């Protein structure tokens, strides 16, 4: 699975996303073809703030 995670661009979630539980927000990011990052770095393509 590590190879699959490496090709998915990282997205960071912070705060509460209106209309989503934490798990639903993470699932939505993953279903959109991204991986959820624990912190932002130079590879992060998007930060979603609630």
PDB file of N, CA and C in Angstrom:
ATOM      1  N   UNK A   1       0.815  -1.189   0.000  1.00  0.00           N
ATOM      2  CA  UNK A   1       0.000   0.000   0.000  1.00  0.00           C
ATOM      3  C   UNK A   1       0.858   1.253   0.000  1.00  0.00           C
ATOM      4  N   UNK A   2       2.062   1.232   0.466  1.00  0.00           N
ATOM      5  CA  UNK A   2       2.917   2.414   0.521  1.00  0.00           C
ATOM      6  C   UNK A   2       3.151   2.998  -0.867  1.00  0.00           C
ATOM      7  N   UNK A   3       3.281   2.144  -1.882  1.00  0.00           N
ATOM      8  CA  UNK A   3       3.485   2.644  -3.239  1.00  0.00           C
ATOM      9  C   UNK A   3       2.259   3.398  -3.739  1.00  0.00           C
ATOM     10  N   UNK A   4       1.070   2.930  -3.403  1.00  0.00           N
ATOM     11  CA  UNK A   4      -0.161   3.614  -3.803  1.00  0.00           C
ATOM     12  C   UNK A   4      -0.256   4.956  -3.097  1.00  0.00           C
ATOM     13  N   UNK A   5       0.057   5.007  -1.808  1.00  0.00           N
ATOM     14  CA  UNK A   5       0.016   6.252  -1.051  1.00  0.00           C
ATOM     15  C   UNK A   5       0.994   7.264  -1.617  1.00  0.00           C
ATOM     16  N   UNK A   6       2.126   6.831  -2.120  1.00  0.00           N
ATOM     17  CA  UNK A   6       3.140   7.746  -2.632  1.00  0.00           C
ATOM     18  C   UNK A   6       2.672   8.497  -3.874  1.00  0.00           C
ATOM     19  N   UNK A   7       1.805   7.914  -4.693  1.00  0.00           N
ATOM     20  CA  UNK A   7       1.360   8.584  -5.914  1.00  0.00           C
ATOM     21  C   UNK A   7       0.141   9.470  -5.676  1.00  0.00           C
ATOM     22  N   UNK A   8      -0.488   9.372  -4.530  1.00  0.00           N
ATOM     23  CA  UNK A   8      -1.645  10.211  -4.209  1.00  0.00           C
ATOM     24  C   UNK A   8      -1.146  11.514  -3.598  1.00  0.00           C
ATOM     25  N   UNK A   9      -1.515  12.660  -4.161  1.00  0.00           N
ATOM     26  CA  UNK A   9      -1.060  13.934  -3.598  1.00  0.00           C
ATOM     27  C   UNK A   9      -1.631  14.132  -2.194  1.00  0.00           C
ATOM     28  N   UNK A  10      -0.820  14.668  -1.270  1.00  0.00           N
ATOM     29  CA  UNK A  10      -1.295  14.857   0.093  1.00  0.00           C
ATOM     30  C   UNK A  10      -2.137  16.122   0.268  1.00  0.00           C
ATOM     31  N   UNK A  11      -3.195  15.987   1.065  1.00  0.00           N
ATOM     32  CA  UNK A  11      -4.084  17.083   1.430  1.00  0.00           C
ATOM     33  C   UNK A  11      -4.182  17.081   2.947  1.00  0.00           C
ATOM     34  N   UNK A  12      -4.128  18.263   3.547  1.00  0.00           N
ATOM     35  CA  UNK A  12      -4.240  18.378   4.990  1.00  0.00           C
ATOM     36  C   UNK A  12      -5.605  18.939   5.364  1.00  0.00           C
ATOM     37  N   UNK A  13      -6.250  18.311   6.332  1.00  0.00           N
ATOM     38  CA  UNK A  13      -7.519  18.797   6.882  1.00  0.00           C
ATOM     39  C   UNK A  13      -7.241  19.433   8.238  1.00  0.00           C
ATOM     40  N   UNK A  14      -7.828  20.594   8.486  1.00  0.00           N
ATOM     41  CA  UNK A  14      -7.702  21.185   9.815  1.00  0.00           C
ATOM     42  C   UNK A  14      -9.021  21.828  10.213  1.00  0.00           C
ATOM     43  N   UNK A  15      -9.342  21.699  11.460  1.00  0.00           N
ATOM     44  CA  UNK A  15     -10.608  22.222  11.951  1.00  0.00           C
ATOM     45  C   UNK A  15     -11.758  21.302  11.603  1.00  0.00           C
ATOM     46  N   UNK A  16     -12.962  21.770  11.877  1.00  0.00           N
ATOM     47  CA  UNK A  16     -14.164  21.006  11.567  1.00  0.00           C
ATOM     48  C   UNK A  16     -14.735  21.493  10.251  1.00  0.00           C
ATOM     49  N   UNK A  17     -14.966  20.580   9.318  1.00  0.00           N
ATOM     50  CA  UNK A  17     -15.494  20.917   8.001  1.00  0.00           C
ATOM     51  C   UNK A  17     -17.021  20.915   8.103  1.00  0.00           C
ATOM     52  N   UNK A  18     -17.673  22.044   7.838  1.00  0.00           N
ATOM     53  CA  UNK A  18     -19.134  22.111   7.973  1.00  0.00           C
ATOM     54  C   UNK A  18     -19.841  21.041   7.137  1.00  0.00           C
ATOM     55  N   UNK A  19     -20.746  20.321   7.774  1.00  0.00           N
ATOM     56  CA  UNK A  19     -21.526  19.304   7.086  1.00  0.00           C
ATOM     57  C   UNK A  19     -20.871  17.937   7.037  1.00  0.00           C
ATOM     58  N   UNK A  20     -19.656  17.807   7.599  1.00  0.00           N
ATOM     59  CA  UNK A  20     -18.937  16.533   7.582  1.00  0.00           C
ATOM     60  C   UNK A  20     -18.470  16.166   8.977  1.00  0.00           C
ATOM     61  N   UNK A  21     -18.579  14.888   9.312  1.00  0.00           N
ATOM     62  CA  UNK A  21     -17.890  14.399  10.505  1.00  0.00           C
ATOM     63  C   UNK A  21     -16.412  14.277  10.118  1.00  0.00           C
ATOM     64  N   UNK A  22     -15.552  14.107  11.102  1.00  0.00           N
ATOM     65  CA  UNK A  22     -14.115  13.983  10.812  1.00  0.00           C
ATOM     66  C   UNK A  22     -13.862  12.799   9.872  1.00  0.00           C
ATOM     67  N   UNK A  23     -14.494  11.658  10.150  1.00  0.00           N
ATOM     68  CA  UNK A  23     -14.305  10.474   9.314  1.00  0.00           C
ATOM     69  C   UNK A  23     -14.835  10.691   7.900  1.00  0.00           C
ATOM     70  N   UNK A  24     -15.992  11.337   7.781  1.00  0.00           N
ATOM     71  CA  UNK A  24     -16.567  11.598   6.454  1.00  0.00           C
ATOM     72  C   UNK A  24     -15.691  12.545   5.639  1.00  0.00           C
ATOM     73  N   UNK A  25     -15.119  13.546   6.282  1.00  0.00           N
ATOM     74  CA  UNK A  25     -14.236  14.484   5.583  1.00  0.00           C
ATOM     75  C   UNK A  25     -12.994  13.755   5.073  1.00  0.00           C
ATOM     76  N   UNK A  26     -12.423  12.908   5.894  1.00  0.00           N
ATOM     77  CA  UNK A  26     -11.246  12.125   5.474  1.00  0.00           C
ATOM     78  C   UNK A  26     -11.599  11.192   4.313  1.00  0.00           C
ATOM     79  N   UNK A  27     -12.748  10.530   4.409  1.00  0.00           N
ATOM     80  CA  UNK A  27     -13.185   9.639   3.335  1.00  0.00           C
ATOM     81  C   UNK A  27     -13.410  10.407   2.034  1.00  0.00           C
ATOM     82  N   UNK A  28     -13.974  11.608   2.123  1.00  0.00           N
ATOM     83  CA  UNK A  28     -14.212  12.417   0.930  1.00  0.00           C
ATOM     84  C   UNK A  28     -12.892  12.781   0.251  1.00  0.00           C
ATOM     85  N   UNK A  29     -11.886  13.131   1.034  1.00  0.00           N
ATOM     86  CA  UNK A  29     -10.564  13.454   0.478  1.00  0.00           C
ATOM     87  C   UNK A  29      -9.977  12.222  -0.200  1.00  0.00           C
ATOM     88  N   UNK A  30     -10.049  11.099   0.465  1.00  0.00           N
ATOM     89  CA  UNK A  30      -9.509   9.858  -0.112  1.00  0.00           C
ATOM     90  C   UNK A  30     -10.266   9.443  -1.369  1.00  0.00           C
ATOM     91  N   UNK A  31     -11.585   9.572  -1.352  1.00  0.00           N
ATOM     92  CA  UNK A  31     -12.385   9.201  -2.519  1.00  0.00           C
ATOM     93  C   UNK A  31     -12.132  10.124  -3.715  1.00  0.00           C
ATOM     94  N   UNK A  32     -11.631  11.317  -3.448  1.00  0.00           N
ATOM     95  CA  UNK A  32     -11.293  12.255  -4.521  1.00  0.00           C
ATOM     96  C   UNK A  32      -9.902  11.985  -5.101  1.00  0.00           C
ATOM     97  N   UNK A  33      -9.208  10.966  -4.578  1.00  0.00           N
ATOM     98  CA  UNK A  33      -7.919  10.577  -5.133  1.00  0.00           C
ATOM     99  C   UNK A  33      -6.714  11.142  -4.413  1.00  0.00           C
ATOM    100  N   UNK A  34      -6.926  11.701  -3.231  1.00  0.00           N
ATOM    101  CA  UNK A  34      -5.829  12.252  -2.440  1.00  0.00           C
ATOM    102  C   UNK A  34      -5.580  11.382  -1.226  1.00  0.00           C
ATOM    103  N   UNK A  35      -4.494  11.669  -0.531  1.00  0.00           N
ATOM    104  CA  UNK A  35      -4.273  11.032   0.766  1.00  0.00           C
ATOM    105  C   UNK A  35      -4.301  12.123   1.823  1.00  0.00           C
ATOM    106  N   UNK A  36      -4.721  11.778   3.012  1.00  0.00           N
ATOM    107  CA  UNK A  36      -4.813  12.732   4.107  1.00  0.00           C
ATOM    108  C   UNK A  36      -3.460  12.807   4.800  1.00  0.00           C
ATOM    109  N   UNK A  37      -2.909  14.010   4.857  1.00  0.00           N
ATOM    110  CA  UNK A  37      -1.616  14.221   5.490  1.00  0.00           C
ATOM    111  C   UNK A  37      -1.816  14.696   6.923  1.00  0.00           C
ATOM    112  N   UNK A  38      -0.922  14.303   7.799  1.00  0.00           N
ATOM    113  CA  UNK A  38      -0.990  14.732   9.185  1.00  0.00           C
ATOM    114  C   UNK A  38      -0.443  16.124   9.399  1.00  0.00           C
ATOM    115  N   UNK A  39       0.384  16.588   8.458  1.00  0.00           N
ATOM    116  CA  UNK A  39       0.935  17.937   8.539  1.00  0.00           C
ATOM    117  C   UNK A  39       1.284  18.413   7.135  1.00  0.00           C
ATOM    118  N   UNK A  40       1.361  19.697   6.971  1.00  0.00           N
ATOM    119  CA  UNK A  40       1.701  20.262   5.663  1.00  0.00           C
ATOM    120  C   UNK A  40       3.212  20.300   5.487  1.00  0.00           C
ATOM    121  N   UNK A  41       3.651  20.029   4.258  1.00  0.00           N
ATOM    122  CA  UNK A  41       5.053  20.195   3.899  1.00  0.00           C
ATOM    123  C   UNK A  41       5.111  20.610   2.433  1.00  0.00           C
ATOM    124  N   UNK A  42       6.269  20.570   1.834  1.00  0.00           N
ATOM    125  CA  UNK A  42       6.422  21.052   0.455  1.00  0.00           C
ATOM    126  C   UNK A  42       5.668  20.212  -0.576  1.00  0.00           C
ATOM    127  N   UNK A  43       5.208  19.024  -0.206  1.00  0.00           N
ATOM    128  CA  UNK A  43       4.464  18.185  -1.149  1.00  0.00           C
ATOM    129  C   UNK A  43       2.948  18.351  -1.034  1.00  0.00           C
ATOM    130  N   UNK A  44       2.489  19.071  -0.024  1.00  0.00           N
ATOM    131  CA  UNK A  44       1.057  19.255   0.211  1.00  0.00           C
ATOM    132  C   UNK A  44       0.451  20.070  -0.921  1.00  0.00           C
ATOM    133  N   UNK A  45      -0.621  19.562  -1.522  1.00  0.00           N
ATOM    134  CA  UNK A  45      -1.243  20.254  -2.661  1.00  0.00           C
ATOM    135  C   UNK A  45      -2.450  21.087  -2.261  1.00  0.00           C
ATOM    136  N   UNK A  46      -3.014  20.830  -1.064  1.00  0.00           N
ATOM    137  CA  UNK A  46      -4.207  21.539  -0.644  1.00  0.00           C
ATOM    138  C   UNK A  46      -4.339  21.445   0.868  1.00  0.00           C
ATOM    139  N   UNK A  47      -4.776  22.552   1.480  1.00  0.00           N
ATOM    140  CA  UNK A  47      -5.102  22.551   2.904  1.00  0.00           C
ATOM    141  C   UNK A  47      -6.569  22.962   3.008  1.00  0.00           C
ATOM    142  N   UNK A  48      -7.368  22.099   3.612  1.00  0.00           N
ATOM    143  CA  UNK A  48      -8.802  22.372   3.779  1.00  0.00           C
ATOM    144  C   UNK A  48      -9.015  22.772   5.227  1.00  0.00           C
ATOM    145  N   UNK A  49      -9.463  24.007   5.437  1.00  0.00           N
ATOM    146  CA  UNK A  49      -9.679  24.527   6.790  1.00  0.00           C
ATOM    147  C   UNK A  49     -11.166  24.662   7.069  1.00  0.00           C
ATOM    148  N   UNK A  50     -11.571  24.225   8.232  1.00  0.00           N
ATOM    149  CA  UNK A  50     -12.971  24.352   8.626  1.00  0.00           C
ATOM    150  C   UNK A  50     -13.139  25.430   9.657  1.00  0.00           C
TER     151      UNK A  50
END
